[in-house]
Amino acid sequence: MDISKELVRGCLLYDFKVGLSAAASSRRICQAFEDSAVNERTARHWFQKFRSGDLSLCDKTQTGRHRTWMTKPCRRLLRRTEVKRVVNLPDNSTLQGKRLDFICTT
């Protein structure tokens, strides 16, 4: 059975409201659904959130810097890559799900 995050969070909130510990809640949910439904660390995280007064079952929006595809190994490779040909693609062209303005070949 594939259990949704929303269902798990609803169960965690219920257990929090009736006074169960995060560990007991995690065990109870895993027993009812599947062993990997929620781990104890995740249950503690949500119980802490509920204790702070936030009873929302939604994730926080992500803040901070987004990871880019341009990792150090990729930058090193691009520095060593000699561009031999530039191909202009139409505006709606995609290659493996990514929009490209040019293609580098070594």
N, C-alpha and C. Protein backbone atom coordinates (compact mmCIF):
# COMPACT_ATOMS: atom_id res chain seq x y z
N MET A 1 0.85 -1.18 0.00
CA MET A 1 0.00 0.00 0.00
C MET A 1 0.90 1.24 0.00
N ASP A 2 0.63 2.14 -0.91
CA ASP A 2 1.39 3.39 -0.98
C ASP A 2 0.63 4.45 -0.19
N ILE A 3 1.20 4.86 0.92
CA ILE A 3 0.54 5.80 1.82
C ILE A 3 0.99 7.23 1.50
N SER A 4 0.06 8.15 1.49
CA SER A 4 0.39 9.54 1.14
C SER A 4 0.97 10.27 2.35
N LYS A 5 1.77 11.28 2.05
CA LYS A 5 2.36 12.10 3.11
C LYS A 5 1.26 12.79 3.92
N GLU A 6 0.21 13.22 3.24
CA GLU A 6 -0.87 13.93 3.92
C GLU A 6 -1.56 13.03 4.95
N LEU A 7 -1.76 11.76 4.59
CA LEU A 7 -2.38 10.82 5.52
C LEU A 7 -1.48 10.59 6.74
N VAL A 8 -0.19 10.40 6.50
CA VAL A 8 0.76 10.20 7.61
C VAL A 8 0.75 11.42 8.52
N ARG A 9 0.78 12.61 7.93
CA ARG A 9 0.80 13.84 8.73
C ARG A 9 -0.49 14.00 9.53
N GLY A 10 -1.61 13.62 8.93
CA GLY A 10 -2.88 13.66 9.67
C GLY A 10 -2.86 12.72 10.87
N CYS A 11 -2.30 11.53 10.66
CA CYS A 11 -2.17 10.57 11.77
C CYS A 11 -1.23 11.12 12.85
N LEU A 12 -0.14 11.75 12.44
CA LEU A 12 0.79 12.33 13.41
C LEU A 12 0.11 13.43 14.22
N LEU A 13 -0.66 14.28 13.55
CA LEU A 13 -1.36 15.34 14.26
C LEU A 13 -2.37 14.76 15.25
N TYR A 14 -3.10 13.73 14.83
CA TYR A 14 -4.05 13.08 15.73
C TYR A 14 -3.34 12.53 16.96
N ASP A 15 -2.25 11.80 16.73
CA ASP A 15 -1.50 11.23 17.85
C ASP A 15 -0.93 12.31 18.76
N PHE A 16 -0.50 13.41 18.19
CA PHE A 16 -0.01 14.54 18.98
C PHE A 16 -1.13 15.07 19.87
N LYS A 17 -2.32 15.23 19.28
CA LYS A 17 -3.46 15.77 20.02
C LYS A 17 -3.91 14.84 21.16
N VAL A 18 -3.78 13.53 20.98
CA VAL A 18 -4.21 12.60 22.04
C VAL A 18 -3.10 12.30 23.04
N GLY A 19 -1.91 12.90 22.82
CA GLY A 19 -0.85 12.79 23.82
C GLY A 19 0.17 11.69 23.62
N LEU A 20 0.19 11.04 22.48
CA LEU A 20 1.22 10.04 22.23
C LEU A 20 2.56 10.71 21.99
N SER A 21 3.64 9.98 22.21
CA SER A 21 4.97 10.49 21.89
C SER A 21 5.22 10.30 20.39
N ALA A 22 6.21 11.00 19.88
CA ALA A 22 6.55 10.87 18.46
C ALA A 22 6.99 9.43 18.14
N ALA A 23 7.76 8.82 19.04
CA ALA A 23 8.22 7.45 18.82
C ALA A 23 7.05 6.48 18.78
N ALA A 24 6.12 6.62 19.72
CA ALA A 24 4.95 5.74 19.76
C ALA A 24 4.08 5.96 18.53
N SER A 25 3.93 7.19 18.12
CA SER A 25 3.14 7.50 16.93
C SER A 25 3.76 6.86 15.69
N SER A 26 5.08 6.99 15.55
CA SER A 26 5.78 6.40 14.42
C SER A 26 5.58 4.89 14.38
N ARG A 27 5.73 4.24 15.51
CA ARG A 27 5.54 2.78 15.58
C ARG A 27 4.11 2.40 15.21
N ARG A 28 3.14 3.16 15.72
CA ARG A 28 1.73 2.85 15.48
C ARG A 28 1.39 2.99 13.99
N ILE A 29 1.88 4.06 13.37
CA ILE A 29 1.60 4.28 11.95
C ILE A 29 2.25 3.20 11.10
N CYS A 30 3.50 2.85 11.42
CA CYS A 30 4.19 1.79 10.67
C CYS A 30 3.51 0.44 10.84
N GLN A 31 2.99 0.19 12.01
CA GLN A 31 2.28 -1.07 12.26
C GLN A 31 0.98 -1.12 11.46
N ALA A 32 0.30 0.02 11.34
CA ALA A 32 -0.98 0.06 10.64
C ALA A 32 -0.82 0.03 9.12
N PHE A 33 0.21 0.67 8.61
CA PHE A 33 0.33 0.81 7.16
C PHE A 33 1.48 -0.03 6.59
N GLU A 34 2.69 0.39 6.84
CA GLU A 34 3.86 -0.36 6.37
C GLU A 34 5.06 0.11 7.18
N ASP A 35 6.09 -0.72 7.24
CA ASP A 35 7.24 -0.40 8.08
C ASP A 35 7.94 0.89 7.70
N SER A 36 7.85 1.29 6.45
CA SER A 36 8.55 2.50 6.03
C SER A 36 7.61 3.70 5.89
N ALA A 37 6.43 3.64 6.49
CA ALA A 37 5.46 4.73 6.33
C ALA A 37 6.00 6.04 6.88
N VAL A 38 6.64 6.01 8.05
CA VAL A 38 7.22 7.21 8.64
C VAL A 38 8.31 6.78 9.62
N ASN A 39 9.45 7.47 9.57
CA ASN A 39 10.49 7.11 10.54
C ASN A 39 10.36 8.01 11.78
N GLU A 40 11.02 7.61 12.84
CA GLU A 40 10.88 8.33 14.11
C GLU A 40 11.39 9.76 14.01
N ARG A 41 12.45 9.98 13.26
CA ARG A 41 13.00 11.33 13.11
C ARG A 41 11.99 12.27 12.46
N THR A 42 11.31 11.79 11.45
CA THR A 42 10.28 12.59 10.78
C THR A 42 9.13 12.88 11.73
N ALA A 43 8.73 11.88 12.50
CA ALA A 43 7.66 12.08 13.49
C ALA A 43 8.07 13.14 14.51
N ARG A 44 9.32 13.09 14.98
CA ARG A 44 9.79 14.10 15.95
C ARG A 44 9.76 15.50 15.34
N HIS A 45 10.15 15.59 14.06
CA HIS A 45 10.13 16.88 13.36
C HIS A 45 8.71 17.46 13.36
N TRP A 46 7.72 16.64 12.98
CA TRP A 46 6.34 17.13 12.91
C TRP A 46 5.80 17.42 14.30
N PHE A 47 6.12 16.63 15.31
CA PHE A 47 5.66 16.91 16.67
C PHE A 47 6.23 18.24 17.17
N GLN A 48 7.49 18.51 16.84
CA GLN A 48 8.09 19.78 17.22
C GLN A 48 7.34 20.94 16.56
N LYS A 49 7.00 20.76 15.30
CA LYS A 49 6.24 21.78 14.57
C LYS A 49 4.88 22.00 15.22
N PHE A 50 4.20 20.91 15.59
CA PHE A 50 2.89 21.02 16.24
C PHE A 50 3.02 21.70 17.61
N ARG A 51 4.06 21.36 18.37
CA ARG A 51 4.28 21.99 19.69
C ARG A 51 4.48 23.50 19.57
N SER A 52 5.06 23.94 18.46
CA SER A 52 5.30 25.37 18.28
C SER A 52 4.02 26.12 17.92
N GLY A 53 2.93 25.38 17.73
CA GLY A 53 1.65 26.01 17.42
C GLY A 53 1.25 25.93 15.96
N ASP A 54 2.13 25.43 15.12
CA ASP A 54 1.83 25.30 13.69
C ASP A 54 1.20 23.93 13.45
N LEU A 55 -0.11 23.91 13.25
CA LEU A 55 -0.81 22.65 13.05
C LEU A 55 -1.08 22.36 11.57
N SER A 56 -0.44 23.11 10.70
CA SER A 56 -0.57 22.90 9.26
C SER A 56 0.09 21.58 8.88
N LEU A 57 -0.51 20.90 7.93
CA LEU A 57 0.05 19.64 7.46
C LEU A 57 0.87 19.80 6.18
N CYS A 58 1.12 21.06 5.80
CA CYS A 58 1.87 21.35 4.58
C CYS A 58 3.35 21.53 4.89
N ASP A 59 4.18 21.22 3.89
CA ASP A 59 5.61 21.46 4.00
C ASP A 59 5.87 22.96 3.99
N LYS A 60 6.96 23.37 4.63
CA LYS A 60 7.40 24.76 4.51
C LYS A 60 7.92 24.97 3.11
N THR A 61 7.75 26.18 2.60
CA THR A 61 8.35 26.46 1.30
C THR A 61 9.85 26.48 1.47
N GLN A 62 10.54 25.98 0.49
CA GLN A 62 11.99 25.91 0.54
C GLN A 62 12.59 27.31 0.41
N THR A 63 13.53 27.60 1.27
CA THR A 63 14.21 28.88 1.19
C THR A 63 15.69 28.62 0.95
N GLY A 64 16.38 29.66 0.60
CA GLY A 64 17.81 29.52 0.38
C GLY A 64 18.13 29.33 -1.08
N ARG A 65 19.37 29.07 -1.31
CA ARG A 65 19.87 28.94 -2.67
C ARG A 65 19.44 27.60 -3.28
N HIS A 66 18.97 27.66 -4.50
CA HIS A 66 18.59 26.44 -5.21
C HIS A 66 19.84 25.79 -5.77
N ARG A 67 19.84 24.47 -5.78
CA ARG A 67 20.96 23.75 -6.38
C ARG A 67 20.91 23.95 -7.89
N THR A 68 22.04 24.12 -8.45
CA THR A 68 22.09 24.28 -9.91
C THR A 68 22.68 23.03 -10.51
N TRP A 69 22.50 22.89 -11.78
CA TRP A 69 23.06 21.74 -12.48
C TRP A 69 24.55 21.92 -12.68
N MET A 70 25.05 23.16 -12.50
CA MET A 70 26.45 23.46 -12.78
C MET A 70 27.30 23.12 -11.54
N THR A 71 27.67 21.86 -11.42
CA THR A 71 28.50 21.42 -10.30
C THR A 71 29.96 21.65 -10.64
N LYS A 72 30.83 21.52 -9.63
CA LYS A 72 32.27 21.72 -9.86
C LYS A 72 32.81 20.82 -10.97
N PRO A 73 32.50 19.51 -10.96
CA PRO A 73 33.01 18.68 -12.05
C PRO A 73 32.50 19.14 -13.42
N CYS A 74 31.27 19.60 -13.47
CA CYS A 74 30.71 20.06 -14.74
C CYS A 74 31.43 21.33 -15.19
N ARG A 75 31.70 22.26 -14.25
CA ARG A 75 32.42 23.48 -14.61
C ARG A 75 33.82 23.16 -15.11
N ARG A 76 34.50 22.21 -14.44
CA ARG A 76 35.84 21.82 -14.88
C ARG A 76 35.80 21.26 -16.29
N LEU A 77 34.81 20.41 -16.55
CA LEU A 77 34.67 19.81 -17.87
C LEU A 77 34.41 20.89 -18.92
N LEU A 78 33.55 21.85 -18.60
CA LEU A 78 33.26 22.91 -19.57
C LEU A 78 34.48 23.78 -19.84
N ARG A 79 35.30 24.01 -18.81
CA ARG A 79 36.52 24.80 -19.03
C ARG A 79 37.46 24.08 -19.99
N ARG A 80 37.50 22.74 -19.93
CA ARG A 80 38.40 21.97 -20.78
C ARG A 80 37.78 21.69 -22.15
N THR A 81 36.48 21.92 -22.29
CA THR A 81 35.79 21.59 -23.54
C THR A 81 35.97 22.71 -24.55
N GLU A 82 36.40 22.34 -25.70
CA GLU A 82 36.53 23.31 -26.79
C GLU A 82 35.23 23.27 -27.60
N VAL A 83 34.65 24.41 -27.78
CA VAL A 83 33.41 24.47 -28.56
C VAL A 83 33.78 24.43 -30.03
N LYS A 84 33.38 23.35 -30.69
CA LYS A 84 33.71 23.20 -32.10
C LYS A 84 32.55 23.61 -33.00
N ARG A 85 31.34 23.53 -32.46
CA ARG A 85 30.19 23.85 -33.29
C ARG A 85 29.07 24.38 -32.40
N VAL A 86 28.40 25.40 -32.83
CA VAL A 86 27.24 25.93 -32.12
C VAL A 86 26.03 25.72 -33.01
N VAL A 87 25.03 25.08 -32.45
CA VAL A 87 23.82 24.80 -33.21
C VAL A 87 22.68 25.57 -32.57
N ASN A 88 22.03 26.43 -33.32
CA ASN A 88 20.87 27.15 -32.81
C ASN A 88 19.64 26.28 -32.96
N LEU A 89 18.89 26.15 -31.87
CA LEU A 89 17.67 25.36 -31.88
C LEU A 89 16.47 26.29 -31.90
N PRO A 90 15.36 25.85 -32.45
CA PRO A 90 14.14 26.67 -32.37
C PRO A 90 13.76 26.90 -30.92
N ASP A 91 12.99 27.95 -30.64
CA ASP A 91 12.62 28.32 -29.27
C ASP A 91 11.94 27.20 -28.50
N ASN A 92 11.20 26.35 -29.17
CA ASN A 92 10.46 25.31 -28.46
C ASN A 92 11.19 23.97 -28.44
N SER A 93 12.46 23.93 -28.79
CA SER A 93 13.22 22.68 -28.82
C SER A 93 13.66 22.28 -27.42
N THR A 94 13.64 21.00 -27.17
CA THR A 94 14.15 20.47 -25.91
C THR A 94 15.04 19.29 -26.21
N LEU A 95 15.97 19.07 -25.30
CA LEU A 95 16.86 17.93 -25.41
C LEU A 95 16.96 17.32 -24.03
N GLN A 96 16.44 16.13 -23.86
CA GLN A 96 16.39 15.44 -22.57
C GLN A 96 15.73 16.31 -21.51
N GLY A 97 14.63 16.97 -21.86
CA GLY A 97 13.87 17.74 -20.89
C GLY A 97 14.44 19.10 -20.55
N LYS A 98 15.58 19.47 -21.09
CA LYS A 98 16.20 20.76 -20.79
C LYS A 98 16.21 21.62 -22.04
N ARG A 99 15.90 22.87 -21.88
CA ARG A 99 15.94 23.80 -23.01
C ARG A 99 17.39 24.20 -23.25
N LEU A 100 17.82 24.14 -24.47
CA LEU A 100 19.20 24.48 -24.81
C LEU A 100 19.23 25.59 -25.83
N ASP A 101 20.20 26.45 -25.70
CA ASP A 101 20.42 27.48 -26.70
C ASP A 101 21.54 27.07 -27.64
N PHE A 102 22.39 26.17 -27.20
CA PHE A 102 23.47 25.69 -28.04
C PHE A 102 23.92 24.32 -27.56
N ILE A 103 24.67 23.64 -28.38
CA ILE A 103 25.21 22.32 -28.04
C ILE A 103 26.72 22.40 -28.19
N CYS A 104 27.45 22.01 -27.16
CA CYS A 104 28.91 21.96 -27.22
C CYS A 104 29.34 20.54 -27.56
N THR A 105 30.28 20.42 -28.45
CA THR A 105 30.82 19.10 -28.76
C THR A 105 32.32 19.15 -28.59
N THR A 106 32.89 18.06 -28.15
CA THR A 106 34.35 18.02 -27.96
C THR A 106 35.00 17.39 -29.15
